[in-house]
Amino acid sequence: MRRKLGPGIVIVAAAAVIAVLVYGLTQQGASRALDEALAAGRHPAAPQTTRLLPALDRAGGAQASLAHWRGKVVVLNFWASWCSTCTAESALIEHAERQLAASGDGTVVGIDYKDLSGDAQQFVASHSLSYPNLRDIDGSFAAAYGTDALPETFVLNRRLQVVAISRGEITQQSWLTHWIDAAARA
């Protein structure tokens, strides 16, 4: 009887170890590697700048990557139509776009996160957003930025390096202005 009990205990113990490992891997929070690099005084490269994402437009089929805007300052804003704080900051983000467009220094690029296309298009129309918006349908692009809550905004310099991060709603135009100026100089 003891011989049969030994393999059973080993199997149960192995299953428990595997369960703990799976739990640990799935419960890890979002990566904060970009935040840590900024805190250390570095400007890390923006992740996945060549990855093509579908454009949020009525025609469909168009795609773009952040590499399209290399040489320009980019304010990368992750948002969704169901996010109330995204609505609250949308006027500030649009104001930043108008300033960037007027100066010719860059653009805002919106990343619509895990949203229905029709809802996202309605959000853009109702807030009169003039900047390009791309879709992150499954959230994997956002995950590369450590984004797991909305809104989040990243300011990128002309070399597509991250110079500033706002993890949460932007409530002051001065924050955007300061970091856009810093990105233009970096």
N, C-alpha and C. Protein backbone atom coordinates (compact mmCIF):
# COMPACT_ATOMS: atom_id res chain seq x y z
N MET A 1 0.81 -1.19 0.00
CA MET A 1 0.00 0.00 0.00
C MET A 1 0.86 1.26 0.00
N ARG A 2 1.96 1.26 0.74
CA ARG A 2 2.84 2.42 0.81
C ARG A 2 3.44 2.76 -0.56
N ARG A 3 3.71 1.75 -1.38
CA ARG A 3 4.30 2.01 -2.69
C ARG A 3 3.34 2.80 -3.57
N LYS A 4 2.06 2.57 -3.46
CA LYS A 4 1.08 3.30 -4.28
C LYS A 4 0.87 4.72 -3.78
N LEU A 5 1.02 4.95 -2.51
CA LEU A 5 0.82 6.27 -1.92
C LEU A 5 1.94 7.24 -2.31
N GLY A 6 3.18 6.77 -2.43
CA GLY A 6 4.34 7.60 -2.76
C GLY A 6 4.19 8.34 -4.08
N PRO A 7 3.90 7.66 -5.19
CA PRO A 7 3.73 8.37 -6.47
C PRO A 7 2.56 9.36 -6.44
N GLY A 8 1.53 9.04 -5.74
CA GLY A 8 0.37 9.95 -5.64
C GLY A 8 0.75 11.24 -4.95
N ILE A 9 1.53 11.14 -3.88
CA ILE A 9 1.97 12.34 -3.16
C ILE A 9 2.87 13.19 -4.06
N VAL A 10 3.75 12.57 -4.81
CA VAL A 10 4.63 13.29 -5.72
C VAL A 10 3.80 14.03 -6.79
N ILE A 11 2.80 13.39 -7.32
CA ILE A 11 1.95 14.00 -8.35
C ILE A 11 1.20 15.20 -7.78
N VAL A 12 0.64 15.03 -6.58
CA VAL A 12 -0.09 16.13 -5.94
C VAL A 12 0.86 17.30 -5.65
N ALA A 13 2.06 16.99 -5.16
CA ALA A 13 3.03 18.04 -4.85
C ALA A 13 3.47 18.77 -6.13
N ALA A 14 3.71 18.02 -7.20
CA ALA A 14 4.10 18.64 -8.47
C ALA A 14 2.98 19.53 -9.00
N ALA A 15 1.75 19.08 -8.89
CA ALA A 15 0.62 19.88 -9.34
C ALA A 15 0.51 21.16 -8.53
N ALA A 16 0.77 21.08 -7.24
CA ALA A 16 0.70 22.26 -6.38
C ALA A 16 1.79 23.26 -6.76
N VAL A 17 2.99 22.79 -7.04
CA VAL A 17 4.08 23.68 -7.44
C VAL A 17 3.74 24.36 -8.77
N ILE A 18 3.21 23.61 -9.71
CA ILE A 18 2.83 24.18 -11.00
C ILE A 18 1.73 25.22 -10.81
N ALA A 19 0.76 24.93 -9.97
CA ALA A 19 -0.33 25.88 -9.72
C ALA A 19 0.20 27.18 -9.12
N VAL A 20 1.14 27.08 -8.19
CA VAL A 20 1.73 28.28 -7.58
C VAL A 20 2.50 29.09 -8.63
N LEU A 21 3.24 28.41 -9.49
CA LEU A 21 3.98 29.12 -10.55
C LEU A 21 3.04 29.82 -11.52
N VAL A 22 2.01 29.13 -11.95
CA VAL A 22 1.04 29.74 -12.86
C VAL A 22 0.38 30.94 -12.20
N TYR A 23 -0.02 30.80 -10.95
CA TYR A 23 -0.64 31.91 -10.23
C TYR A 23 0.33 33.10 -10.15
N GLY A 24 1.57 32.84 -9.83
CA GLY A 24 2.56 33.91 -9.71
C GLY A 24 2.78 34.64 -11.02
N LEU A 25 2.82 33.89 -12.12
CA LEU A 25 3.03 34.52 -13.42
C LEU A 25 1.82 35.33 -13.86
N THR A 26 0.63 34.86 -13.56
CA THR A 26 -0.57 35.58 -14.00
C THR A 26 -0.91 36.75 -13.10
N GLN A 27 -0.39 36.80 -11.91
CA GLN A 27 -0.73 37.87 -10.98
C GLN A 27 0.32 38.98 -10.94
N GLN A 28 1.34 38.87 -11.79
CA GLN A 28 2.34 39.94 -11.82
C GLN A 28 1.69 41.20 -12.35
N GLY A 29 2.03 42.30 -11.77
CA GLY A 29 1.50 43.58 -12.23
C GLY A 29 2.14 43.99 -13.54
N ALA A 30 1.70 45.10 -14.05
CA ALA A 30 2.25 45.62 -15.30
C ALA A 30 3.72 45.97 -15.11
N SER A 31 4.47 45.83 -16.18
CA SER A 31 5.88 46.16 -16.15
C SER A 31 6.06 47.66 -15.91
N ARG A 32 6.99 48.00 -15.09
CA ARG A 32 7.31 49.40 -14.85
C ARG A 32 8.75 49.70 -15.29
N ALA A 33 9.23 48.94 -16.27
CA ALA A 33 10.59 49.12 -16.77
C ALA A 33 10.80 50.52 -17.34
N LEU A 34 9.82 51.06 -18.04
CA LEU A 34 9.97 52.41 -18.60
C LEU A 34 10.04 53.44 -17.48
N ASP A 35 9.20 53.29 -16.47
CA ASP A 35 9.20 54.21 -15.31
C ASP A 35 10.54 54.16 -14.59
N GLU A 36 11.07 52.94 -14.42
CA GLU A 36 12.34 52.78 -13.72
C GLU A 36 13.49 53.41 -14.51
N ALA A 37 13.47 53.27 -15.83
CA ALA A 37 14.51 53.88 -16.65
C ALA A 37 14.46 55.41 -16.55
N LEU A 38 13.25 55.98 -16.60
CA LEU A 38 13.13 57.44 -16.44
C LEU A 38 13.62 57.89 -15.07
N ALA A 39 13.27 57.13 -14.04
CA ALA A 39 13.70 57.47 -12.68
C ALA A 39 15.22 57.44 -12.56
N ALA A 40 15.87 56.60 -13.38
CA ALA A 40 17.33 56.50 -13.36
C ALA A 40 17.98 57.53 -14.29
N GLY A 41 17.17 58.41 -14.88
CA GLY A 41 17.71 59.47 -15.72
C GLY A 41 17.92 59.08 -17.18
N ARG A 42 17.40 57.94 -17.59
CA ARG A 42 17.54 57.50 -18.98
C ARG A 42 16.25 57.77 -19.75
N HIS A 43 16.37 57.85 -21.06
CA HIS A 43 15.22 57.96 -21.96
C HIS A 43 15.14 56.65 -22.75
N PRO A 44 14.34 55.70 -22.27
CA PRO A 44 14.28 54.40 -22.94
C PRO A 44 13.56 54.50 -24.28
N ALA A 45 13.92 53.61 -25.18
CA ALA A 45 13.23 53.54 -26.47
C ALA A 45 11.78 53.13 -26.24
N ALA A 46 10.88 53.76 -26.94
CA ALA A 46 9.47 53.38 -26.87
C ALA A 46 9.35 51.96 -27.44
N PRO A 47 8.58 51.11 -26.78
CA PRO A 47 8.41 49.74 -27.27
C PRO A 47 7.60 49.68 -28.57
N GLN A 48 7.87 48.69 -29.34
CA GLN A 48 7.08 48.30 -30.51
C GLN A 48 6.78 49.45 -31.47
N THR A 49 7.77 50.28 -31.76
CA THR A 49 7.54 51.43 -32.63
C THR A 49 7.29 51.04 -34.08
N THR A 50 7.68 49.85 -34.49
CA THR A 50 7.45 49.42 -35.87
C THR A 50 6.21 48.53 -36.01
N ARG A 51 5.57 48.22 -34.92
CA ARG A 51 4.38 47.36 -34.98
C ARG A 51 3.22 48.11 -35.64
N LEU A 52 2.65 47.51 -36.65
CA LEU A 52 1.50 48.09 -37.33
C LEU A 52 0.23 47.84 -36.53
N LEU A 53 -0.52 48.90 -36.31
CA LEU A 53 -1.82 48.81 -35.64
C LEU A 53 -2.88 49.34 -36.61
N PRO A 54 -4.08 48.78 -36.53
CA PRO A 54 -5.15 49.30 -37.41
C PRO A 54 -5.55 50.71 -37.02
N ALA A 55 -5.78 51.52 -38.04
CA ALA A 55 -6.24 52.88 -37.79
C ALA A 55 -7.71 52.85 -37.41
N LEU A 56 -8.10 53.75 -36.54
CA LEU A 56 -9.50 53.89 -36.16
C LEU A 56 -10.13 54.85 -37.17
N ASP A 57 -10.69 54.29 -38.20
CA ASP A 57 -11.37 55.11 -39.19
C ASP A 57 -12.54 54.31 -39.76
N ARG A 58 -13.42 55.00 -40.37
CA ARG A 58 -14.63 54.36 -40.89
C ARG A 58 -14.34 53.50 -42.11
N ALA A 59 -13.30 53.83 -42.87
CA ALA A 59 -13.00 53.08 -44.08
C ALA A 59 -12.42 51.70 -43.75
N GLY A 60 -11.62 51.63 -42.69
CA GLY A 60 -11.00 50.36 -42.31
C GLY A 60 -9.87 50.00 -43.25
N GLY A 61 -9.03 49.10 -42.83
CA GLY A 61 -7.94 48.62 -43.66
C GLY A 61 -6.63 49.36 -43.51
N ALA A 62 -6.67 50.63 -43.13
CA ALA A 62 -5.43 51.40 -42.97
C ALA A 62 -4.71 50.95 -41.69
N GLN A 63 -3.40 51.01 -41.75
CA GLN A 63 -2.57 50.68 -40.59
C GLN A 63 -1.45 51.71 -40.47
N ALA A 64 -0.91 51.83 -39.28
CA ALA A 64 0.23 52.73 -39.06
C ALA A 64 1.03 52.21 -37.88
N SER A 65 2.26 52.68 -37.78
CA SER A 65 3.11 52.39 -36.63
C SER A 65 3.68 53.71 -36.14
N LEU A 66 4.19 53.70 -34.92
CA LEU A 66 4.79 54.92 -34.38
C LEU A 66 6.01 55.36 -35.20
N ALA A 67 6.65 54.42 -35.87
CA ALA A 67 7.82 54.77 -36.69
C ALA A 67 7.46 55.80 -37.77
N HIS A 68 6.21 55.85 -38.15
CA HIS A 68 5.74 56.85 -39.13
C HIS A 68 6.03 58.28 -38.65
N TRP A 69 6.04 58.48 -37.34
CA TRP A 69 6.22 59.82 -36.78
C TRP A 69 7.63 60.06 -36.24
N ARG A 70 8.58 59.18 -36.58
CA ARG A 70 9.98 59.40 -36.17
C ARG A 70 10.42 60.77 -36.69
N GLY A 71 11.11 61.52 -35.87
CA GLY A 71 11.53 62.87 -36.24
C GLY A 71 10.57 63.94 -35.72
N LYS A 72 9.47 63.50 -35.12
CA LYS A 72 8.48 64.41 -34.53
C LYS A 72 8.32 64.06 -33.05
N VAL A 73 7.90 65.01 -32.26
CA VAL A 73 7.50 64.74 -30.88
C VAL A 73 6.14 64.04 -30.95
N VAL A 74 5.99 62.99 -30.17
CA VAL A 74 4.73 62.24 -30.15
C VAL A 74 4.21 62.18 -28.71
N VAL A 75 2.96 62.58 -28.55
CA VAL A 75 2.26 62.37 -27.28
C VAL A 75 1.37 61.15 -27.51
N LEU A 76 1.72 60.05 -26.89
CA LEU A 76 1.03 58.78 -27.06
C LEU A 76 0.02 58.63 -25.93
N ASN A 77 -1.27 58.62 -26.27
CA ASN A 77 -2.33 58.61 -25.25
C ASN A 77 -3.17 57.35 -25.39
N PHE A 78 -3.14 56.50 -24.36
CA PHE A 78 -3.97 55.30 -24.31
C PHE A 78 -5.32 55.67 -23.71
N TRP A 79 -6.42 55.32 -24.39
CA TRP A 79 -7.75 55.71 -23.97
C TRP A 79 -8.77 54.66 -24.41
N ALA A 80 -10.00 54.80 -23.92
CA ALA A 80 -11.12 53.97 -24.36
C ALA A 80 -12.41 54.75 -24.17
N SER A 81 -13.40 54.44 -24.95
CA SER A 81 -14.68 55.16 -24.88
C SER A 81 -15.38 54.94 -23.55
N TRP A 82 -15.13 53.83 -22.90
CA TRP A 82 -15.79 53.49 -21.63
C TRP A 82 -15.06 54.06 -20.41
N CYS A 83 -14.01 54.82 -20.63
CA CYS A 83 -13.16 55.35 -19.56
C CYS A 83 -13.56 56.79 -19.25
N SER A 84 -14.14 57.00 -18.07
CA SER A 84 -14.63 58.35 -17.71
C SER A 84 -13.49 59.36 -17.55
N THR A 85 -12.35 58.94 -17.04
CA THR A 85 -11.24 59.88 -16.90
C THR A 85 -10.60 60.21 -18.25
N CYS A 86 -10.77 59.30 -19.23
CA CYS A 86 -10.31 59.60 -20.60
C CYS A 86 -11.14 60.74 -21.17
N THR A 87 -12.44 60.70 -20.89
CA THR A 87 -13.33 61.79 -21.30
C THR A 87 -12.91 63.09 -20.63
N ALA A 88 -12.61 63.02 -19.35
CA ALA A 88 -12.24 64.22 -18.58
C ALA A 88 -10.99 64.89 -19.13
N GLU A 89 -10.01 64.12 -19.60
CA GLU A 89 -8.76 64.72 -20.08
C GLU A 89 -8.74 64.98 -21.58
N SER A 90 -9.77 64.57 -22.30
CA SER A 90 -9.74 64.64 -23.77
C SER A 90 -9.53 66.07 -24.29
N ALA A 91 -10.09 67.07 -23.65
CA ALA A 91 -9.90 68.45 -24.11
C ALA A 91 -8.43 68.88 -23.97
N LEU A 92 -7.77 68.46 -22.90
CA LEU A 92 -6.35 68.80 -22.72
C LEU A 92 -5.48 68.12 -23.78
N ILE A 93 -5.81 66.88 -24.08
CA ILE A 93 -5.04 66.14 -25.09
C ILE A 93 -5.24 66.79 -26.46
N GLU A 94 -6.49 67.15 -26.78
CA GLU A 94 -6.77 67.81 -28.07
C GLU A 94 -6.06 69.16 -28.14
N HIS A 95 -6.01 69.89 -27.04
CA HIS A 95 -5.31 71.18 -27.02
C HIS A 95 -3.81 70.96 -27.32
N ALA A 96 -3.23 69.92 -26.75
CA ALA A 96 -1.82 69.61 -27.03
C ALA A 96 -1.62 69.30 -28.51
N GLU A 97 -2.58 68.57 -29.10
CA GLU A 97 -2.49 68.28 -30.54
C GLU A 97 -2.50 69.56 -31.36
N ARG A 98 -3.37 70.47 -31.03
CA ARG A 98 -3.47 71.72 -31.79
C ARG A 98 -2.18 72.54 -31.69
N GLN A 99 -1.56 72.53 -30.51
CA GLN A 99 -0.28 73.23 -30.34
C GLN A 99 0.82 72.55 -31.15
N LEU A 100 0.88 71.22 -31.09
CA LEU A 100 1.90 70.49 -31.84
C LEU A 100 1.72 70.68 -33.35
N ALA A 101 0.49 70.64 -33.81
CA ALA A 101 0.21 70.81 -35.24
C ALA A 101 0.57 72.22 -35.69
N ALA A 102 0.25 73.21 -34.89
CA ALA A 102 0.53 74.60 -35.25
C ALA A 102 2.03 74.85 -35.35
N SER A 103 2.79 74.25 -34.45
CA SER A 103 4.24 74.46 -34.45
C SER A 103 4.95 73.55 -35.46
N GLY A 104 4.28 72.49 -35.89
CA GLY A 104 4.91 71.53 -36.79
C GLY A 104 5.86 70.58 -36.08
N ASP A 105 5.89 70.65 -34.73
CA ASP A 105 6.83 69.83 -33.97
C ASP A 105 6.42 68.38 -33.79
N GLY A 106 5.13 68.06 -33.93
CA GLY A 106 4.73 66.69 -33.70
C GLY A 106 3.24 66.49 -33.73
N THR A 107 2.81 65.44 -33.03
CA THR A 107 1.40 65.09 -33.01
C THR A 107 1.07 64.28 -31.77
N VAL A 108 -0.19 64.23 -31.46
CA VAL A 108 -0.72 63.26 -30.50
C VAL A 108 -1.10 62.04 -31.32
N VAL A 109 -0.84 60.86 -30.79
CA VAL A 109 -1.34 59.61 -31.37
C VAL A 109 -2.14 58.93 -30.28
N GLY A 110 -3.42 58.75 -30.54
CA GLY A 110 -4.27 58.05 -29.60
C GLY A 110 -4.22 56.56 -29.85
N ILE A 111 -4.24 55.80 -28.77
CA ILE A 111 -4.32 54.34 -28.87
C ILE A 111 -5.60 53.91 -28.16
N ASP A 112 -6.56 53.50 -28.95
CA ASP A 112 -7.84 53.03 -28.42
C ASP A 112 -7.65 51.61 -27.90
N TYR A 113 -7.93 51.43 -26.62
CA TYR A 113 -7.59 50.20 -25.89
C TYR A 113 -8.82 49.32 -25.67
N LYS A 114 -8.77 48.12 -26.25
CA LYS A 114 -9.79 47.09 -26.02
C LYS A 114 -11.21 47.65 -26.11
N ASP A 115 -11.51 48.30 -27.20
CA ASP A 115 -12.77 49.01 -27.35
C ASP A 115 -13.50 48.51 -28.59
N LEU A 116 -14.78 48.72 -28.63
CA LEU A 116 -15.56 48.45 -29.83
C LEU A 116 -15.32 49.58 -30.82
N SER A 117 -15.12 49.25 -32.07
CA SER A 117 -14.78 50.24 -33.09
C SER A 117 -15.83 51.35 -33.16
N GLY A 118 -17.10 51.00 -33.20
CA GLY A 118 -18.16 52.01 -33.29
C GLY A 118 -18.18 52.93 -32.09
N ASP A 119 -17.99 52.39 -30.89
CA ASP A 119 -17.95 53.21 -29.69
C ASP A 119 -16.75 54.16 -29.71
N ALA A 120 -15.61 53.65 -30.16
CA ALA A 120 -14.40 54.47 -30.23
C ALA A 120 -14.57 55.59 -31.26
N GLN A 121 -15.15 55.28 -32.41
CA GLN A 121 -15.38 56.30 -33.43
C GLN A 121 -16.33 57.38 -32.91
N GLN A 122 -17.34 56.97 -32.16
CA GLN A 122 -18.28 57.93 -31.57
C GLN A 122 -17.56 58.83 -30.56
N PHE A 123 -16.65 58.26 -29.76
CA PHE A 123 -15.87 59.02 -28.79
C PHE A 123 -15.05 60.10 -29.51
N VAL A 124 -14.36 59.71 -30.58
CA VAL A 124 -13.54 60.64 -31.35
C VAL A 124 -14.41 61.78 -31.90
N ALA A 125 -15.55 61.41 -32.46
CA ALA A 125 -16.44 62.43 -33.04
C ALA A 125 -17.03 63.36 -31.97
N SER A 126 -17.48 62.79 -30.87
CA SER A 126 -18.14 63.61 -29.85
C SER A 126 -17.16 64.54 -29.12
N HIS A 127 -15.87 64.21 -29.13
CA HIS A 127 -14.87 65.06 -28.47
C HIS A 127 -14.05 65.85 -29.49
N SER A 128 -14.44 65.77 -30.76
CA SER A 128 -13.79 66.51 -31.85
C SER A 128 -12.27 66.31 -31.85
N LEU A 129 -11.85 65.06 -31.73
CA LEU A 129 -10.42 64.77 -31.71
C LEU A 129 -9.88 64.79 -33.13
N SER A 130 -8.82 65.56 -33.34
CA SER A 130 -8.28 65.76 -34.68
C SER A 130 -7.02 64.94 -34.94
N TYR A 131 -6.50 64.28 -33.95
CA TYR A 131 -5.25 63.54 -34.12
C TYR A 131 -5.51 62.10 -34.54
N PRO A 132 -4.48 61.44 -35.08
CA PRO A 132 -4.65 60.05 -35.50
C PRO A 132 -4.86 59.13 -34.30
N ASN A 133 -5.71 58.14 -34.50
CA ASN A 133 -5.99 57.15 -33.47
C ASN A 133 -5.83 55.75 -34.06
N LEU A 134 -5.13 54.91 -33.32
CA LEU A 134 -4.90 53.52 -33.71
C LEU A 134 -5.61 52.63 -32.71
N ARG A 135 -5.85 51.39 -33.09
CA ARG A 135 -6.57 50.46 -32.23
C ARG A 135 -5.64 49.39 -31.65
N ASP A 136 -5.73 49.19 -30.35
CA ASP A 136 -5.06 48.08 -29.66
C ASP A 136 -6.17 47.12 -29.23
N ILE A 137 -6.56 46.27 -30.12
CA ILE A 137 -7.75 45.44 -29.94
C ILE A 137 -7.61 44.48 -28.76
N ASP A 138 -6.44 43.87 -28.61
CA ASP A 138 -6.28 42.86 -27.55
C ASP A 138 -5.49 43.35 -26.34
N GLY A 139 -5.02 44.58 -26.35
CA GLY A 139 -4.28 45.13 -25.22
C GLY A 139 -2.80 44.80 -25.19
N SER A 140 -2.29 44.07 -26.19
CA SER A 140 -0.88 43.66 -26.16
C SER A 140 0.07 44.83 -26.43
N PHE A 141 -0.35 45.80 -27.21
CA PHE A 141 0.50 46.98 -27.44
C PHE A 141 0.63 47.76 -26.14
N ALA A 142 -0.49 47.98 -25.46
CA ALA A 142 -0.48 48.68 -24.17
C ALA A 142 0.38 47.94 -23.15
N ALA A 143 0.31 46.63 -23.16
CA ALA A 143 1.09 45.84 -22.20
C ALA A 143 2.59 46.10 -22.37
N ALA A 144 3.04 46.33 -23.59
CA ALA A 144 4.45 46.61 -23.82
C ALA A 144 4.89 47.91 -23.14
N TYR A 145 3.93 48.80 -22.88
CA TYR A 145 4.19 50.07 -22.19
C TYR A 145 3.92 49.98 -20.69
N GLY A 146 3.53 48.80 -20.22
CA GLY A 146 3.19 48.64 -18.82
C GLY A 146 1.83 49.23 -18.49
N THR A 147 1.01 49.44 -19.50
CA THR A 147 -0.30 50.05 -19.31
C THR A 147 -1.32 48.99 -18.97
N ASP A 148 -1.96 49.16 -17.83
CA ASP A 148 -3.03 48.25 -17.44
C ASP A 148 -4.22 49.00 -16.86
N ALA A 149 -4.17 50.31 -16.89
CA ALA A 149 -5.26 51.16 -16.42
C ALA A 149 -5.28 52.39 -17.33
N LEU A 150 -6.42 52.99 -17.45
CA LEU A 150 -6.57 54.13 -18.36
C LEU A 150 -7.01 55.36 -17.61
N PRO A 151 -6.69 56.53 -18.14
CA PRO A 151 -5.81 56.78 -19.27
C PRO A 151 -4.34 56.76 -18.86
N GLU A 152 -3.48 56.59 -19.83
CA GLU A 152 -2.04 56.72 -19.62
C GLU A 152 -1.46 57.43 -20.83
N THR A 153 -0.49 58.29 -20.57
CA THR A 153 0.09 59.12 -21.62
C THR A 153 1.61 59.08 -21.53
N PHE A 154 2.24 58.95 -22.70
CA PHE A 154 3.69 58.89 -22.82
C PHE A 154 4.12 59.99 -23.78
N VAL A 155 5.12 60.75 -23.40
CA VAL A 155 5.67 61.78 -24.29
C VAL A 155 6.98 61.23 -24.84
N LEU A 156 7.06 61.21 -26.18
CA LEU A 156 8.23 60.66 -26.87
C LEU A 156 8.97 61.77 -27.61
N ASN A 157 10.30 61.70 -27.56
CA ASN A 157 11.09 62.69 -28.30
C ASN A 157 11.18 62.29 -29.78
N ARG A 158 11.94 63.04 -30.54
CA ARG A 158 12.02 62.82 -31.99
C ARG A 158 12.66 61.48 -32.36
N ARG A 159 13.39 60.88 -31.42
CA ARG A 159 14.00 59.57 -31.65
C ARG A 159 13.10 58.45 -31.10
N LEU A 160 11.88 58.81 -30.76
CA LEU A 160 10.88 57.88 -30.20
C LEU A 160 11.37 57.23 -28.90
N GLN A 161 11.99 58.06 -28.08
CA GLN A 161 12.39 57.66 -26.73
C GLN A 161 11.40 58.29 -25.75
N VAL A 162 11.10 57.56 -24.70
CA VAL A 162 10.16 58.05 -23.69
C VAL A 162 10.85 59.09 -22.82
N VAL A 163 10.24 60.28 -22.71
CA VAL A 163 10.79 61.31 -21.84
C VAL A 163 9.89 61.58 -20.63
N ALA A 164 8.62 61.19 -20.72
CA ALA A 164 7.70 61.40 -19.59
C ALA A 164 6.54 60.43 -19.68
N ILE A 165 6.01 60.09 -18.49
CA ILE A 165 4.86 59.19 -18.39
C ILE A 165 3.87 59.77 -17.39
N SER A 166 2.60 59.73 -17.78
CA SER A 166 1.52 60.05 -16.84
C SER A 166 0.65 58.81 -16.73
N ARG A 167 0.70 58.16 -15.60
CA ARG A 167 -0.13 56.97 -15.35
C ARG A 167 -1.38 57.44 -14.62
N GLY A 168 -2.34 57.84 -15.39
CA GLY A 168 -3.58 58.38 -14.84
C GLY A 168 -3.98 59.62 -15.61
N GLU A 169 -5.07 60.20 -15.21
CA GLU A 169 -5.62 61.36 -15.89
C GLU A 169 -4.69 62.56 -15.81
N ILE A 170 -4.51 63.23 -16.93
CA ILE A 170 -3.79 64.50 -16.97
C ILE A 170 -4.79 65.58 -16.62
N THR A 171 -4.47 66.37 -15.61
CA THR A 171 -5.40 67.40 -15.16
C THR A 171 -4.85 68.81 -15.38
N GLN A 172 -3.59 68.92 -15.79
CA GLN A 172 -2.97 70.23 -15.99
C GLN A 172 -2.34 70.31 -17.37
N GLN A 173 -2.73 71.32 -18.14
CA GLN A 173 -2.13 71.53 -19.45
C GLN A 173 -0.63 71.79 -19.30
N SER A 174 -0.24 72.36 -18.18
CA SER A 174 1.18 72.68 -17.96
C SER A 174 2.05 71.42 -17.98
N TRP A 175 1.52 70.29 -17.51
CA TRP A 175 2.30 69.05 -17.54
C TRP A 175 2.62 68.70 -18.98
N LEU A 176 1.62 68.73 -19.84
CA LEU A 176 1.84 68.41 -21.25
C LEU A 176 2.80 69.40 -21.90
N THR A 177 2.58 70.68 -21.68
CA THR A 177 3.43 71.71 -22.28
C THR A 177 4.88 71.52 -21.86
N HIS A 178 5.11 71.31 -20.58
CA HIS A 178 6.48 71.12 -20.07
C HIS A 178 7.16 69.94 -20.75
N TRP A 179 6.49 68.80 -20.82
CA TRP A 179 7.14 67.60 -21.35
C TRP A 179 7.23 67.61 -22.87
N ILE A 180 6.30 68.26 -23.55
CA ILE A 180 6.43 68.41 -24.99
C ILE A 180 7.64 69.27 -25.30
N ASP A 181 7.83 70.35 -24.56
CA ASP A 181 9.02 71.21 -24.75
C ASP A 181 10.30 70.42 -24.48
N ALA A 182 10.30 69.64 -23.40
CA ALA A 182 11.47 68.83 -23.07
C ALA A 182 11.76 67.80 -24.15
N ALA A 183 10.71 67.20 -24.70
CA ALA A 183 10.89 66.20 -25.77
C ALA A 183 11.45 66.84 -27.03
N ALA A 184 11.03 68.05 -27.31
CA ALA A 184 11.51 68.76 -28.50
C ALA A 184 13.01 69.08 -28.38
N ARG A 185 13.48 69.27 -27.15
CA ARG A 185 14.89 69.59 -26.90
C ARG A 185 15.76 68.34 -26.76
N ALA A 186 15.15 67.23 -26.43
CA ALA A 186 15.92 65.99 -26.14
C ALA A 186 16.45 65.34 -27.39
